[in-house]
Amino acid sequence: TDARQLQKSHQRFRTVMWALGYPIVAAMGYHVYSWNYMFLMTSIVLLVTRIHIFIFVIESPRFYLIKNDVETAKKSFKALAALTKANLDFDKIDIVDAGK
């Protein structure tokens, strides 16, 4: 499914970033002598290696329900169910506004 492929690609990306992180930091430590620049370079590397969080993390279904986007909330439920290997039939489930 799409969620499993997304999980595998996310795992591969994390592995690659982990493997590349140590040599990058070692090279920075060798070439950068000022603590101010070292802090700046480390922040840039951290930003680049953590950008996958903003791309691959699934939004909460609650967020979509607060925004009254029921269809996207169902898609989010399906993706989360696939990640947890839950057997749920979302086509038969109706999401009802409890506030009414």
Protein backbone atom coordinates (compact mmCIF):
# COMPACT_ATOMS: atom_id res chain seq x y z
CA THR A 1 0.00 0.00 0.00
CA ASP A 2 0.96 3.65 -0.23
CA ALA A 3 1.46 3.97 3.50
CA ARG A 4 3.92 1.06 3.61
CA GLN A 5 5.89 2.47 0.68
CA LEU A 6 5.95 5.84 2.43
CA GLN A 7 7.19 4.20 5.62
CA LYS A 8 9.94 2.32 3.75
CA SER A 9 11.10 5.44 1.90
CA HIS A 10 11.08 7.38 5.16
CA GLN A 11 13.21 4.67 6.81
CA ARG A 12 15.68 4.71 3.90
CA PHE A 13 15.93 8.50 4.06
CA ARG A 14 16.62 8.42 7.81
CA THR A 15 19.29 5.75 7.33
CA VAL A 16 21.04 7.74 4.62
CA MET A 17 20.92 10.95 6.64
CA TRP A 18 22.29 9.11 9.70
CA ALA A 19 25.13 7.61 7.67
CA LEU A 20 26.02 10.93 6.08
CA GLY A 21 25.67 12.96 9.26
CA TYR A 22 28.79 11.75 11.03
CA PRO A 23 31.24 12.44 8.19
CA ILE A 24 29.67 15.84 7.58
CA VAL A 25 29.99 16.84 11.24
CA ALA A 26 33.56 15.52 11.38
CA ALA A 27 34.49 17.55 8.29
CA MET A 28 32.85 20.63 9.76
CA GLY A 29 34.80 20.20 13.00
CA TYR A 30 38.05 19.94 11.08
CA HIS A 31 37.49 22.98 8.87
CA VAL A 32 35.50 25.38 11.06
CA TYR A 33 37.50 26.91 13.89
CA SER A 34 35.06 29.45 15.34
CA TRP A 35 32.33 28.27 17.72
CA ASN A 36 29.89 30.74 16.19
CA TYR A 37 30.29 29.26 12.73
CA MET A 38 30.25 25.74 14.14
CA PHE A 39 26.85 26.45 15.72
CA LEU A 40 25.56 27.90 12.44
CA MET A 41 26.81 24.96 10.39
CA THR A 42 25.35 22.42 12.83
CA SER A 43 21.99 24.19 12.67
CA ILE A 44 22.00 24.06 8.87
CA VAL A 45 22.87 20.36 8.85
CA LEU A 46 20.13 19.68 11.41
CA LEU A 47 17.59 21.55 9.31
CA VAL A 48 18.53 19.65 6.16
CA THR A 49 18.46 16.25 7.87
CA ARG A 50 15.10 16.93 9.60
CA ILE A 51 13.23 18.34 6.61
CA HIS A 52 11.72 14.90 5.95
CA ILE A 53 9.53 15.39 9.02
CA PHE A 54 7.65 18.17 7.25
CA ILE A 55 7.23 16.08 4.11
CA PHE A 56 6.43 12.56 5.32
CA VAL A 57 4.62 12.92 8.66
CA ILE A 58 0.89 12.25 8.42
CA GLU A 59 -1.41 14.92 9.81
CA SER A 60 -3.75 13.95 12.59
CA PRO A 61 -7.31 13.08 11.56
CA ARG A 62 -8.44 15.33 14.40
CA PHE A 63 -6.81 18.29 12.65
CA TYR A 64 -8.80 17.63 9.49
CA LEU A 65 -12.02 17.10 11.42
CA ILE A 66 -11.58 20.45 13.18
CA LYS A 67 -11.18 22.01 9.72
CA ASN A 68 -14.39 20.16 8.56
CA ASP A 69 -12.44 18.23 5.91
CA VAL A 70 -14.00 14.79 6.38
CA GLU A 71 -12.62 13.18 3.21
CA THR A 72 -9.03 14.07 4.04
CA ALA A 73 -9.60 12.89 7.61
CA LYS A 74 -10.72 9.51 6.24
CA LYS A 75 -7.57 9.35 4.10
CA SER A 76 -5.49 10.13 7.17
CA PHE A 77 -7.31 7.40 9.12
CA LYS A 78 -6.60 4.94 6.31
CA ALA A 79 -2.89 5.82 6.22
CA LEU A 80 -2.58 5.51 10.00
CA ALA A 81 -4.47 2.20 9.95
CA ALA A 82 -2.09 0.88 7.29
CA LEU A 83 0.92 1.88 9.40
CA THR A 84 -0.49 0.08 12.44
CA LYS A 85 -1.68 -2.90 10.37
CA ALA A 86 -5.27 -2.41 11.57
CA ASN A 87 -8.06 -4.07 9.59
CA LEU A 88 -10.69 -1.35 9.36
CA ASP A 89 -13.26 -0.75 6.63
CA PHE A 90 -13.48 3.03 6.40
CA ASP A 91 -15.97 2.97 3.54
CA LYS A 92 -18.67 1.76 5.94
CA ILE A 93 -17.77 4.20 8.73
CA ASP A 94 -19.64 7.51 8.90
CA ILE A 95 -17.99 10.39 10.72
CA VAL A 96 -20.66 12.33 12.59
CA ASP A 97 -20.33 15.75 14.18
CA ALA A 98 -20.93 15.13 17.89
CA GLY A 99 -21.42 18.84 18.54
CA LYS A 100 -24.77 18.93 16.72
